[in-house]
Amino acid sequence: MVLLRLGYRSGMPAGDWAVRAGEAVGRIRGLMEPACEREHMDVVDVSSSGVGLRDVRFESASLAARLEGCTACTVFLATLGPRVDEEIDSLARTPSMQALLDAAASEAAEACARWIQRREAELALPAGARTVHRFSPGYGDFSLDYQRWFTGRFPSLGVRVEASGMMVPRKTVSGVIGWRLC
């Protein structure tokens, strides 16, 4: 997956790229301190322009379309922690290894989001519901500005949003997972 993220599409690349990608994955595993928080919330209303939850309204037609028919959702924030960013930043003089570590960390963050999605699906079934795939700020018209709501909702994770809209630590994922009754 790391090599696919870097653009390798068919077969394994020549040379030692596969070995270096494996080393990058190992380094990220040793550095990451994954943490997540999530909260189950009722969906109060869904209109063509957005979604209302208990104490927030997300103005996003794209999110509204995803959550159409959902009675509840899970909001979450997951991060790999600051040590990953520090290591990636320290490799500025070796851009190929920096790219490999960055790709490995991105895959690790995505793996955390997939774990949350699976976990929520397991929790939804006994409640007579199925989950819809997560939707994150930055998808469709779901503004990245909502990252501030997620980081404010889960302050214990220590994630902040810079003026540019980038979350720090950078390998952080937020999102909404809808629950639709079966």
C-alpha atoms as a PDB file:
ATOM      1  CA  MET A   1       0.000   0.000   0.000  1.00  0.00           C
ATOM      2  CA  VAL A   2       2.896   2.350   0.700  1.00  0.00           C
ATOM      3  CA  LEU A   3       4.272   1.818  -2.793  1.00  0.00           C
ATOM      4  CA  LEU A   4       0.837   2.254  -4.363  1.00  0.00           C
ATOM      5  CA  ARG A   5       0.489   5.540  -2.499  1.00  0.00           C
ATOM      6  CA  LEU A   6       3.784   6.618  -4.067  1.00  0.00           C
ATOM      7  CA  GLY A   7       2.513   5.861  -7.556  1.00  0.00           C
ATOM      8  CA  TYR A   8       3.701   2.321  -8.253  1.00  0.00           C
ATOM      9  CA  ARG A   9       0.824   0.686 -10.105  1.00  0.00           C
ATOM     10  CA  SER A  10       1.986  -2.575 -11.643  1.00  0.00           C
ATOM     11  CA  GLY A  11       4.261  -5.113 -10.051  1.00  0.00           C
ATOM     12  CA  MET A  12       7.017  -4.407  -7.585  1.00  0.00           C
ATOM     13  CA  PRO A  13       9.436  -1.601  -8.352  1.00  0.00           C
ATOM     14  CA  ALA A  14      12.995  -2.299  -9.357  1.00  0.00           C
ATOM     15  CA  GLY A  15      15.813  -2.039  -6.859  1.00  0.00           C
ATOM     16  CA  ASP A  16      15.379  -1.955  -3.145  1.00  0.00           C
ATOM     17  CA  TRP A  17      12.205   0.163  -2.981  1.00  0.00           C
ATOM     18  CA  ALA A  18      10.140  -2.708  -1.590  1.00  0.00           C
ATOM     19  CA  VAL A  19      12.717  -3.306   1.149  1.00  0.00           C
ATOM     20  CA  ARG A  20      12.895   0.415   1.948  1.00  0.00           C
ATOM     21  CA  ALA A  21       9.098   0.617   2.088  1.00  0.00           C
ATOM     22  CA  GLY A  22       9.088  -2.263   4.592  1.00  0.00           C
ATOM     23  CA  GLU A  23      11.689  -0.449   6.676  1.00  0.00           C
ATOM     24  CA  ALA A  24       9.568   2.710   6.595  1.00  0.00           C
ATOM     25  CA  VAL A  25       6.543   0.769   7.857  1.00  0.00           C
ATOM     26  CA  GLY A  26       8.643  -0.652  10.686  1.00  0.00           C
ATOM     27  CA  ARG A  27       9.888   2.801  11.671  1.00  0.00           C
ATOM     28  CA  ILE A  28       6.383   4.222  11.705  1.00  0.00           C
ATOM     29  CA  ARG A  29       5.136   1.316  13.831  1.00  0.00           C
ATOM     30  CA  GLY A  30       7.838   2.095  16.365  1.00  0.00           C
ATOM     31  CA  LEU A  31       7.025   5.806  16.456  1.00  0.00           C
ATOM     32  CA  MET A  32       3.279   6.016  16.324  1.00  0.00           C
ATOM     33  CA  GLU A  33       1.176   6.459  19.409  1.00  0.00           C
ATOM     34  CA  PRO A  34      -2.275   5.952  17.932  1.00  0.00           C
ATOM     35  CA  ALA A  35      -5.169   7.433  19.830  1.00  0.00           C
ATOM     36  CA  CYS A  36      -8.774   8.041  18.961  1.00  0.00           C
ATOM     37  CA  GLU A  37     -11.943   9.337  20.464  1.00  0.00           C
ATOM     38  CA  ARG A  38     -15.413   8.895  19.119  1.00  0.00           C
ATOM     39  CA  GLU A  39     -18.897   9.836  20.161  1.00  0.00           C
ATOM     40  CA  HIS A  40     -22.256   8.421  19.136  1.00  0.00           C
ATOM     41  CA  MET A  41     -24.791  11.166  18.351  1.00  0.00           C
ATOM     42  CA  ASP A  42     -28.388  11.298  17.195  1.00  0.00           C
ATOM     43  CA  VAL A  43     -29.022  12.810  13.782  1.00  0.00           C
ATOM     44  CA  VAL A  44     -31.566  15.546  14.518  1.00  0.00           C
ATOM     45  CA  ASP A  45     -32.265  16.586  10.937  1.00  0.00           C
ATOM     46  CA  VAL A  46     -31.030  16.079   7.403  1.00  0.00           C
ATOM     47  CA  SER A  47     -31.930  18.633   4.748  1.00  0.00           C
ATOM     48  CA  SER A  48     -30.635  19.218   1.268  1.00  0.00           C
ATOM     49  CA  SER A  49     -28.105  21.708   2.633  1.00  0.00           C
ATOM     50  CA  GLY A  50     -26.739  19.952   5.696  1.00  0.00           C
ATOM     51  CA  VAL A  51     -27.012  17.774   8.779  1.00  0.00           C
ATOM     52  CA  GLY A  52     -27.988  18.708  12.309  1.00  0.00           C
ATOM     53  CA  LEU A  53     -26.615  16.743  15.249  1.00  0.00           C
ATOM     54  CA  ARG A  54     -27.213  17.340  18.950  1.00  0.00           C
ATOM     55  CA  ASP A  55     -25.130  20.501  19.221  1.00  0.00           C
ATOM     56  CA  VAL A  56     -23.744  21.188  15.766  1.00  0.00           C
ATOM     57  CA  ARG A  57     -24.997  21.709  12.254  1.00  0.00           C
ATOM     58  CA  PHE A  58     -22.695  20.754   9.392  1.00  0.00           C
ATOM     59  CA  GLU A  59     -23.568  22.718   6.262  1.00  0.00           C
ATOM     60  CA  SER A  60     -22.749  20.186   3.559  1.00  0.00           C
ATOM     61  CA  ALA A  61     -25.044  18.839   0.878  1.00  0.00           C
ATOM     62  CA  SER A  62     -22.541  16.022   0.310  1.00  0.00           C
ATOM     63  CA  LEU A  63     -22.653  14.923   3.951  1.00  0.00           C
ATOM     64  CA  ALA A  64     -26.449  15.263   3.942  1.00  0.00           C
ATOM     65  CA  ALA A  65     -26.660  12.935   0.939  1.00  0.00           C
ATOM     66  CA  ARG A  66     -24.392  10.408   2.705  1.00  0.00           C
ATOM     67  CA  LEU A  67     -26.441  10.514   5.930  1.00  0.00           C
ATOM     68  CA  GLU A  68     -29.882  10.473   4.281  1.00  0.00           C
ATOM     69  CA  GLY A  69     -31.975   7.953   6.224  1.00  0.00           C
ATOM     70  CA  CYS A  70     -29.529   7.757   9.143  1.00  0.00           C
ATOM     71  CA  THR A  71     -30.923   8.144  12.647  1.00  0.00           C
ATOM     72  CA  ALA A  72     -27.556   8.375  14.366  1.00  0.00           C
ATOM     73  CA  CYS A  73     -23.881   8.706  13.614  1.00  0.00           C
ATOM     74  CA  THR A  74     -20.461   8.446  15.154  1.00  0.00           C
ATOM     75  CA  VAL A  75     -18.104  11.396  15.023  1.00  0.00           C
ATOM     76  CA  PHE A  76     -14.435  10.624  15.548  1.00  0.00           C
ATOM     77  CA  LEU A  77     -10.901  11.953  15.616  1.00  0.00           C
ATOM     78  CA  ALA A  78      -7.868   9.653  15.350  1.00  0.00           C
ATOM     79  CA  THR A  79      -4.189  10.556  15.369  1.00  0.00           C
ATOM     80  CA  LEU A  80      -0.826   8.803  15.169  1.00  0.00           C
ATOM     81  CA  GLY A  81       0.734  11.356  17.533  1.00  0.00           C
ATOM     82  CA  PRO A  82       3.511  13.944  17.201  1.00  0.00           C
ATOM     83  CA  ARG A  83       6.526  11.620  17.057  1.00  0.00           C
ATOM     84  CA  VAL A  84       5.599  10.561  13.523  1.00  0.00           C
ATOM     85  CA  ASP A  85       5.624  14.169  12.281  1.00  0.00           C
ATOM     86  CA  GLU A  86       8.925  14.837  14.009  1.00  0.00           C
ATOM     87  CA  GLU A  87      10.589  11.853  12.330  1.00  0.00           C
ATOM     88  CA  ILE A  88       9.230  12.729   8.887  1.00  0.00           C
ATOM     89  CA  ASP A  89      10.350  16.341   9.288  1.00  0.00           C
ATOM     90  CA  SER A  90      13.834  15.217  10.367  1.00  0.00           C
ATOM     91  CA  LEU A  91      14.356  13.513   6.996  1.00  0.00           C
ATOM     92  CA  ALA A  92      14.297  16.673   4.871  1.00  0.00           C
ATOM     93  CA  ARG A  93      17.853  15.932   3.644  1.00  0.00           C
ATOM     94  CA  THR A  94      16.841  12.465   2.436  1.00  0.00           C
ATOM     95  CA  PRO A  95      13.686  13.127   0.427  1.00  0.00           C
ATOM     96  CA  SER A  96      13.224   9.561  -0.799  1.00  0.00           C
ATOM     97  CA  MET A  97      13.123   8.189   2.757  1.00  0.00           C
ATOM     98  CA  GLN A  98      10.977  11.130   3.832  1.00  0.00           C
ATOM     99  CA  ALA A  99       8.472  10.263   1.083  1.00  0.00           C
ATOM    100  CA  LEU A 100       8.472   6.604   2.124  1.00  0.00           C
ATOM    101  CA  LEU A 101       7.893   7.446   5.797  1.00  0.00           C
ATOM    102  CA  ASP A 102       5.189   9.949   4.921  1.00  0.00           C
ATOM    103  CA  ALA A 103       3.408   7.352   2.754  1.00  0.00           C
ATOM    104  CA  ALA A 104       3.742   4.692   5.464  1.00  0.00           C
ATOM    105  CA  ALA A 105       2.321   7.092   8.058  1.00  0.00           C
ATOM    106  CA  SER A 106      -0.563   8.026   5.765  1.00  0.00           C
ATOM    107  CA  GLU A 107      -1.385   4.351   5.346  1.00  0.00           C
ATOM    108  CA  ALA A 108      -1.225   3.856   9.118  1.00  0.00           C
ATOM    109  CA  ALA A 109      -3.626   6.755   9.701  1.00  0.00           C
ATOM    110  CA  GLU A 110      -5.962   5.346   7.066  1.00  0.00           C
ATOM    111  CA  ALA A 111      -5.752   1.932   8.766  1.00  0.00           C
ATOM    112  CA  CYS A 112      -6.885   3.569  12.026  1.00  0.00           C
ATOM    113  CA  ALA A 113      -9.881   5.105  10.254  1.00  0.00           C
ATOM    114  CA  ARG A 114     -10.751   1.733   8.695  1.00  0.00           C
ATOM    115  CA  TRP A 115     -10.545   0.116  12.172  1.00  0.00           C
ATOM    116  CA  ILE A 116     -12.977   2.709  13.544  1.00  0.00           C
ATOM    117  CA  GLN A 117     -15.319   2.061  10.611  1.00  0.00           C
ATOM    118  CA  ARG A 118     -15.237  -1.704  11.278  1.00  0.00           C
ATOM    119  CA  ARG A 119     -15.724  -1.221  15.020  1.00  0.00           C
ATOM    120  CA  GLU A 120     -18.738   1.014  14.480  1.00  0.00           C
ATOM    121  CA  ALA A 121     -20.209  -1.532  12.051  1.00  0.00           C
ATOM    122  CA  GLU A 122     -19.880  -4.200  14.763  1.00  0.00           C
ATOM    123  CA  LEU A 123     -21.604  -1.948  17.296  1.00  0.00           C
ATOM    124  CA  ALA A 124     -24.397  -1.004  14.876  1.00  0.00           C
ATOM    125  CA  LEU A 125     -25.539  -4.543  14.098  1.00  0.00           C
ATOM    126  CA  PRO A 126     -26.957  -5.427  17.558  1.00  0.00           C
ATOM    127  CA  ALA A 127     -28.801  -2.085  17.459  1.00  0.00           C
ATOM    128  CA  GLY A 128     -30.464  -3.137  14.208  1.00  0.00           C
ATOM    129  CA  ALA A 129     -28.443  -0.716  12.098  1.00  0.00           C
ATOM    130  CA  ARG A 130     -25.802  -0.708   9.424  1.00  0.00           C
ATOM    131  CA  THR A 131     -23.120   1.902   9.008  1.00  0.00           C
ATOM    132  CA  VAL A 132     -22.488   3.987   5.933  1.00  0.00           C
ATOM    133  CA  HIS A 133     -18.900   4.664   4.924  1.00  0.00           C
ATOM    134  CA  ARG A 134     -17.240   7.511   6.750  1.00  0.00           C
ATOM    135  CA  PHE A 135     -17.289  11.031   5.409  1.00  0.00           C
ATOM    136  CA  SER A 136     -14.540  13.440   6.412  1.00  0.00           C
ATOM    137  CA  PRO A 137     -14.074  17.184   6.185  1.00  0.00           C
ATOM    138  CA  GLY A 138     -12.534  17.910   2.798  1.00  0.00           C
ATOM    139  CA  TYR A 139     -14.751  15.394   0.955  1.00  0.00           C
ATOM    140  CA  GLY A 140     -17.234  17.009  -1.439  1.00  0.00           C
ATOM    141  CA  ASP A 141     -18.467  20.279   0.048  1.00  0.00           C
ATOM    142  CA  PHE A 142     -17.835  19.211   3.678  1.00  0.00           C
ATOM    143  CA  SER A 143     -15.542  22.113   4.516  1.00  0.00           C
ATOM    144  CA  LEU A 144     -12.131  21.584   6.073  1.00  0.00           C
ATOM    145  CA  ASP A 145     -13.115  24.396   8.447  1.00  0.00           C
ATOM    146  CA  TYR A 146     -15.093  21.776  10.386  1.00  0.00           C
ATOM    147  CA  GLN A 147     -11.781  20.214  11.479  1.00  0.00           C
ATOM    148  CA  ARG A 148     -11.844  22.818  14.261  1.00  0.00           C
ATOM    149  CA  TRP A 149     -15.119  21.377  15.564  1.00  0.00           C
ATOM    150  CA  PHE A 150     -13.635  17.865  15.695  1.00  0.00           C
ATOM    151  CA  THR A 151     -10.440  18.981  17.456  1.00  0.00           C
ATOM    152  CA  GLY A 152     -12.485  21.066  19.908  1.00  0.00           C
ATOM    153  CA  ARG A 153     -14.806  18.129  20.555  1.00  0.00           C
ATOM    154  CA  PHE A 154     -11.919  15.840  21.478  1.00  0.00           C
ATOM    155  CA  PRO A 155      -9.303  18.119  23.103  1.00  0.00           C
ATOM    156  CA  SER A 156      -7.605  15.348  25.080  1.00  0.00           C
ATOM    157  CA  LEU A 157      -5.973  14.074  21.863  1.00  0.00           C
ATOM    158  CA  GLY A 158      -3.908  17.259  21.622  1.00  0.00           C
ATOM    159  CA  VAL A 159      -4.687  17.831  17.945  1.00  0.00           C
ATOM    160  CA  ARG A 160      -4.840  21.425  16.758  1.00  0.00           C
ATOM    161  CA  VAL A 161      -5.688  23.108  13.478  1.00  0.00           C
ATOM    162  CA  GLU A 162      -3.210  25.553  11.967  1.00  0.00           C
ATOM    163  CA  ALA A 163      -4.260  28.724  10.132  1.00  0.00           C
ATOM    164  CA  SER A 164      -3.806  26.810   6.871  1.00  0.00           C
ATOM    165  CA  GLY A 165      -6.485  24.326   7.985  1.00  0.00           C
ATOM    166  CA  MET A 166      -3.940  21.507   8.414  1.00  0.00           C
ATOM    167  CA  MET A 167      -4.376  19.377  11.521  1.00  0.00           C
ATOM    168  CA  VAL A 168      -1.287  18.835  13.660  1.00  0.00           C
ATOM    169  CA  PRO A 169      -0.158  16.132  14.157  1.00  0.00           C
ATOM    170  CA  ARG A 170      -0.539  15.813  10.396  1.00  0.00           C
ATOM    171  CA  LYS A 171      -1.370  12.114  10.425  1.00  0.00           C
ATOM    172  CA  THR A 172      -4.778  12.709  11.938  1.00  0.00           C
ATOM    173  CA  VAL A 173      -8.171  11.745  10.529  1.00  0.00           C
ATOM    174  CA  SER A 174     -11.627  12.966  11.472  1.00  0.00           C
ATOM    175  CA  GLY A 175     -15.006  11.963  10.181  1.00  0.00           C
ATOM    176  CA  VAL A 176     -18.645  11.053  10.495  1.00  0.00           C
ATOM    177  CA  ILE A 177     -19.986   7.495  10.189  1.00  0.00           C
ATOM    178  CA  GLY A 178     -23.732   7.254   9.698  1.00  0.00           C
ATOM    179  CA  TRP A 179     -25.957   4.596  11.283  1.00  0.00           C
ATOM    180  CA  ARG A 180     -28.967   3.580   9.197  1.00  0.00           C
ATOM    181  CA  LEU A 181     -31.645   1.295  10.641  1.00  0.00           C
ATOM    182  CA  CYS A 182     -32.013  -1.973   8.738  1.00  0.00           C
END
